C-alpha atoms as a PDB file:
ATOM      1  CA  MET A   1     136.465 108.274 157.198  1.00  0.00           C
ATOM      2  CA  ILE A   2     139.927 107.898 158.717  1.00  0.00           C
ATOM      3  CA  THR A   3     141.822 110.489 160.689  1.00  0.00           C
ATOM      4  CA  GLU A   4     145.048 112.074 159.572  1.00  0.00           C
ATOM      5  CA  GLU A   5     146.872 110.171 162.318  1.00  0.00           C
ATOM      6  CA  GLN A   6     145.567 106.826 161.033  1.00  0.00           C
ATOM      7  CA  TYR A   7     146.541 107.794 157.492  1.00  0.00           C
ATOM      8  CA  LEU A   8     150.094 108.717 158.507  1.00  0.00           C
ATOM      9  CA  GLU A   9     150.470 105.478 160.487  1.00  0.00           C
ATOM     10  CA  ALA A  10     149.291 103.424 157.501  1.00  0.00           C
ATOM     11  CA  LYS A  11     151.630 105.342 155.179  1.00  0.00           C
ATOM     12  CA  LYS A  12     154.564 104.640 157.515  1.00  0.00           C
ATOM     13  CA  THR A  13     153.723 100.916 157.507  1.00  0.00           C
ATOM     14  CA  ILE A  14     153.529 100.847 153.705  1.00  0.00           C
ATOM     15  CA  ASP A  15     156.860 102.685 153.352  1.00  0.00           C
ATOM     16  CA  ALA A  16     158.534 100.199 155.722  1.00  0.00           C
ATOM     17  CA  TYR A  17     157.116  97.322 153.661  1.00  0.00           C
ATOM     18  CA  HIS A  18     158.480  98.815 150.416  1.00  0.00           C
ATOM     19  CA  GLN A  19     161.921  99.269 151.968  1.00  0.00           C
ATOM     20  CA  GLN A  20     161.916  95.632 153.055  1.00  0.00           C
ATOM     21  CA  LEU A  21     160.989  94.487 149.548  1.00  0.00           C
ATOM     22  CA  GLU A  22     163.783  96.581 148.019  1.00  0.00           C
ATOM     23  CA  LEU A  23     166.303  95.075 150.444  1.00  0.00           C
ATOM     24  CA  GLN A  24     165.173  91.536 149.620  1.00  0.00           C
ATOM     25  CA  TYR A  25     165.365  92.327 145.899  1.00  0.00           C
ATOM     26  CA  ALA A  26     168.900  93.726 146.242  1.00  0.00           C
ATOM     27  CA  ASN A  27     170.058  90.667 148.223  1.00  0.00           C
ATOM     28  CA  SER A  28     168.630  88.252 145.654  1.00  0.00           C
ATOM     29  CA  ARG A  29     170.376  90.170 142.831  1.00  0.00           C
ATOM     30  CA  ILE A  30     173.718  89.901 144.662  1.00  0.00           C
ATOM     31  CA  GLU A  31     173.236  86.136 145.033  1.00  0.00           C
ATOM     32  CA  LEU A  32     172.294  85.864 141.372  1.00  0.00           C
ATOM     33  CA  PHE A  33     175.545  87.529 140.266  1.00  0.00           C
ATOM     34  CA  LYS A  34     177.505  84.970 142.320  1.00  0.00           C
ATOM     35  CA  ALA A  35     176.031  82.183 140.188  1.00  0.00           C
ATOM     36  CA  LYS A  36     178.180  80.636 137.481  1.00  0.00           C
ATOM     37  CA  LYS A  37     177.759  78.520 134.380  1.00  0.00           C
ATOM     38  CA  GLY A  38     175.851  75.311 135.076  1.00  0.00           C
ATOM     39  CA  ASP A  39     174.113  76.591 138.232  1.00  0.00           C
ATOM     40  CA  TYR A  40     170.338  76.505 138.463  1.00  0.00           C
ATOM     41  CA  ILE A  41     168.187  79.594 139.007  1.00  0.00           C
ATOM     42  CA  THR A  42     164.431  79.811 139.617  1.00  0.00           C
ATOM     43  CA  TYR A  43     162.065  81.638 137.274  1.00  0.00           C
ATOM     44  CA  ILE A  44     159.767  83.955 139.291  1.00  0.00           C
ATOM     45  CA  GLY A  45     157.549  85.110 136.425  1.00  0.00           C
ATOM     46  CA  GLY A  46     157.063  88.337 134.553  1.00  0.00           C
ATOM     47  CA  SER A  47     157.864  87.307 130.992  1.00  0.00           C
ATOM     48  CA  LYS A  48     155.458  86.526 128.172  1.00  0.00           C
ATOM     49  CA  SER A  49     157.657  83.626 127.096  1.00  0.00           C
ATOM     50  CA  LYS A  50     155.811  80.386 126.497  1.00  0.00           C
ATOM     51  CA  ASN A  51     159.011  78.439 127.108  1.00  0.00           C
ATOM     52  CA  LEU A  52     159.351  79.149 130.847  1.00  0.00           C
ATOM     53  CA  ILE A  53     157.315  77.793 133.763  1.00  0.00           C
ATOM     54  CA  LYS A  54     156.929  79.916 136.898  1.00  0.00           C
ATOM     55  CA  GLY A  55     158.667  78.346 139.909  1.00  0.00           C
ATOM     56  CA  LYS A  56     160.813  75.965 137.836  1.00  0.00           C
ATOM     57  CA  LYS A  57     164.617  75.942 137.914  1.00  0.00           C
ATOM     58  CA  TYR A  58     166.634  76.584 134.762  1.00  0.00           C
ATOM     59  CA  ARG A  59     170.326  75.981 134.065  1.00  0.00           C
ATOM     60  CA  LEU A  60     172.604  78.927 133.299  1.00  0.00           C
ATOM     61  CA  THR A  61     174.588  78.644 130.080  1.00  0.00           C
ATOM     62  CA  CYS A  62     177.054  81.316 131.263  1.00  0.00           C
ATOM     63  CA  ALA A  63     177.578  83.631 134.221  1.00  0.00           C
ATOM     64  CA  PRO A  64     175.066  86.511 134.501  1.00  0.00           C
ATOM     65  CA  TRP A  65     176.219  89.798 132.973  1.00  0.00           C
ATOM     66  CA  ASN A  66     174.850  93.355 133.260  1.00  0.00           C
ATOM     67  CA  ILE A  67     171.099  92.813 133.604  1.00  0.00           C
ATOM     68  CA  ARG A  68     170.928  89.579 131.587  1.00  0.00           C
ATOM     69  CA  VAL A  69     171.047  85.839 132.145  1.00  0.00           C
ATOM     70  CA  ALA A  70     171.111  83.063 129.567  1.00  0.00           C
ATOM     71  CA  VAL A  71     169.254  79.841 130.380  1.00  0.00           C
ATOM     72  CA  ILE A  72     168.172  76.623 128.708  1.00  0.00           C
ATOM     73  CA  ASN A  73     164.386  76.968 128.293  1.00  0.00           C
ATOM     74  CA  GLU A  74     161.648  74.308 128.122  1.00  0.00           C
ATOM     75  CA  SER A  75     162.226  73.693 124.414  1.00  0.00           C
ATOM     76  CA  GLY A  76     165.909  72.950 125.095  1.00  0.00           C
ATOM     77  CA  ARG A  77     167.249  76.123 123.526  1.00  0.00           C
ATOM     78  CA  ARG A  78     169.430  78.868 124.961  1.00  0.00           C
ATOM     79  CA  GLN A  79     167.481  82.041 125.616  1.00  0.00           C
ATOM     80  CA  VAL A  80     168.535  85.387 127.139  1.00  0.00           C
ATOM     81  CA  PHE A  81     166.330  87.174 129.690  1.00  0.00           C
ATOM     82  CA  LYS A  82     166.544  90.084 132.102  1.00  0.00           C
ATOM     83  CA  ASN A  83     167.839  88.912 135.456  1.00  0.00           C
ATOM     84  CA  ARG A  84     164.912  90.440 137.374  1.00  0.00           C
ATOM     85  CA  LEU A  85     162.841  87.462 136.216  1.00  0.00           C
ATOM     86  CA  PHE A  86     165.001  84.986 138.148  1.00  0.00           C
ATOM     87  CA  THR A  87     166.248  84.304 141.651  1.00  0.00           C
ATOM     88  CA  VAL A  88     168.731  81.866 143.146  1.00  0.00           C
END
């Protein structure tokens, strides 16, 4: 059994970790919106699409908008995805 002090210390560590992840996520989103047509972005996973490979780079067919990006997938077709699935 752990003490309340150990629990609070662990909780503080976990909260700091989550804040760091959120900051990294926000920074990668900013970089993604700076991308333009023809640039390559990396697929980080999270989609059930059979036409994307995790860790592979895909070419943008236009600049990202709202929460979407359009890329050329493995079958050579243009496909639109949520931008949270990609990073620069």
